[in-house]
Amino acid sequence: MKNYLKPSNHQNLKRYCKVLKLRDNKFQIKKYIEVHKNENIWPEIPEGIKEVGIIDMEIWLHGNLA
């Protein structure tokens, strides 16, 4: 398995941001939050993210925008 470390030279890093508009439904937004909690993520997801070169990923939620 490859060792993925954050590079010490941050000038070579890129940040990509995407916006996802969720349905304005409180129940479905709560379900989205629950599914995306660290303890509920399938192990294949972070493995696949690292395999394509993504070092870190964050999801921010504002109303119904993720």
C-alpha atoms as a PDB file:
ATOM      1  CA  MET A   1       0.000   0.000   0.000  1.00  0.00           C
ATOM      2  CA  LYS A   2       1.256   3.474  -0.852  1.00  0.00           C
ATOM      3  CA  ASN A   3       2.094   5.926   1.900  1.00  0.00           C
ATOM      4  CA  TYR A   4       0.073   9.111   1.397  1.00  0.00           C
ATOM      5  CA  LEU A   5       1.576  12.086   3.185  1.00  0.00           C
ATOM      6  CA  LYS A   6       0.715  15.726   2.816  1.00  0.00           C
ATOM      7  CA  PRO A   7       3.486  17.458   0.866  1.00  0.00           C
ATOM      8  CA  SER A   8       5.500  19.989   2.838  1.00  0.00           C
ATOM      9  CA  ASN A   9       5.359  22.420  -0.102  1.00  0.00           C
ATOM     10  CA  HIS A  10       1.752  23.651  -0.043  1.00  0.00           C
ATOM     11  CA  GLN A  11       2.266  25.735  -3.192  1.00  0.00           C
ATOM     12  CA  ASN A  12       1.722  22.603  -5.290  1.00  0.00           C
ATOM     13  CA  LEU A  13      -1.673  21.850  -3.766  1.00  0.00           C
ATOM     14  CA  LYS A  14      -4.952  22.645  -5.503  1.00  0.00           C
ATOM     15  CA  ARG A  15      -8.324  23.076  -3.849  1.00  0.00           C
ATOM     16  CA  TYR A  16     -11.484  22.179  -5.730  1.00  0.00           C
ATOM     17  CA  CYS A  17     -14.890  23.214  -4.457  1.00  0.00           C
ATOM     18  CA  LYS A  18     -18.219  21.946  -5.654  1.00  0.00           C
ATOM     19  CA  VAL A  19     -21.721  22.865  -4.540  1.00  0.00           C
ATOM     20  CA  LEU A  20     -24.472  20.318  -4.224  1.00  0.00           C
ATOM     21  CA  LYS A  21     -28.014  21.593  -3.786  1.00  0.00           C
ATOM     22  CA  LEU A  22     -29.953  19.164  -1.616  1.00  0.00           C
ATOM     23  CA  ARG A  23     -33.717  18.934  -1.581  1.00  0.00           C
ATOM     24  CA  ASP A  24     -35.058  21.402   0.965  1.00  0.00           C
ATOM     25  CA  ASN A  25     -36.336  18.566   3.136  1.00  0.00           C
ATOM     26  CA  LYS A  26     -35.235  18.439   6.793  1.00  0.00           C
ATOM     27  CA  PHE A  27     -35.583  14.651   7.014  1.00  0.00           C
ATOM     28  CA  GLN A  28     -33.453  14.027   3.918  1.00  0.00           C
ATOM     29  CA  ILE A  29     -30.809  16.566   5.019  1.00  0.00           C
ATOM     30  CA  LYS A  30     -30.546  14.811   8.408  1.00  0.00           C
ATOM     31  CA  LYS A  31     -30.166  11.492   6.561  1.00  0.00           C
ATOM     32  CA  TYR A  32     -27.445  13.022   4.327  1.00  0.00           C
ATOM     33  CA  ILE A  33     -25.561  14.203   7.431  1.00  0.00           C
ATOM     34  CA  GLU A  34     -25.859  10.775   9.095  1.00  0.00           C
ATOM     35  CA  VAL A  35     -24.642   8.892   6.011  1.00  0.00           C
ATOM     36  CA  HIS A  36     -21.599  11.189   5.658  1.00  0.00           C
ATOM     37  CA  LYS A  37     -20.395  10.946   9.276  1.00  0.00           C
ATOM     38  CA  ASN A  38     -16.883   9.475   9.571  1.00  0.00           C
ATOM     39  CA  GLU A  39     -18.109   6.387  11.432  1.00  0.00           C
ATOM     40  CA  ASN A  40     -20.636   5.573   8.671  1.00  0.00           C
ATOM     41  CA  ILE A  41     -18.392   5.878   5.613  1.00  0.00           C
ATOM     42  CA  TRP A  42     -17.640   2.637   3.780  1.00  0.00           C
ATOM     43  CA  PRO A  43     -13.886   1.850   3.946  1.00  0.00           C
ATOM     44  CA  GLU A  44     -13.708   1.778   0.133  1.00  0.00           C
ATOM     45  CA  ILE A  45     -14.575   5.478  -0.092  1.00  0.00           C
ATOM     46  CA  PRO A  46     -11.469   7.001   1.593  1.00  0.00           C
ATOM     47  CA  GLU A  47      -9.285   4.356  -0.076  1.00  0.00           C
ATOM     48  CA  GLY A  48     -10.623   5.322  -3.516  1.00  0.00           C
ATOM     49  CA  ILE A  49     -10.279   9.035  -2.803  1.00  0.00           C
ATOM     50  CA  LYS A  50      -6.612   8.601  -1.872  1.00  0.00           C
ATOM     51  CA  GLU A  51      -5.960   6.387  -4.903  1.00  0.00           C
ATOM     52  CA  VAL A  52      -6.909   9.255  -7.216  1.00  0.00           C
ATOM     53  CA  GLY A  53      -4.638  11.693  -5.349  1.00  0.00           C
ATOM     54  CA  ILE A  54      -7.062  13.513  -3.063  1.00  0.00           C
ATOM     55  CA  ILE A  55      -5.277  14.203   0.227  1.00  0.00           C
ATOM     56  CA  ASP A  56      -8.164  15.599   2.252  1.00  0.00           C
ATOM     57  CA  MET A  57     -11.864  16.204   1.771  1.00  0.00           C
ATOM     58  CA  GLU A  58     -14.408  18.244   3.710  1.00  0.00           C
ATOM     59  CA  ILE A  59     -18.154  18.660   3.388  1.00  0.00           C
ATOM     60  CA  TRP A  60     -19.674  21.887   4.629  1.00  0.00           C
ATOM     61  CA  LEU A  61     -23.419  22.333   4.970  1.00  0.00           C
ATOM     62  CA  HIS A  62     -25.311  25.635   4.797  1.00  0.00           C
ATOM     63  CA  GLY A  63     -29.057  25.226   4.736  1.00  0.00           C
ATOM     64  CA  ASN A  64     -29.668  22.847   1.850  1.00  0.00           C
ATOM     65  CA  LEU A  65     -26.306  23.511   0.156  1.00  0.00           C
ATOM     66  CA  ALA A  66     -23.444  21.076   0.647  1.00  0.00           C
END
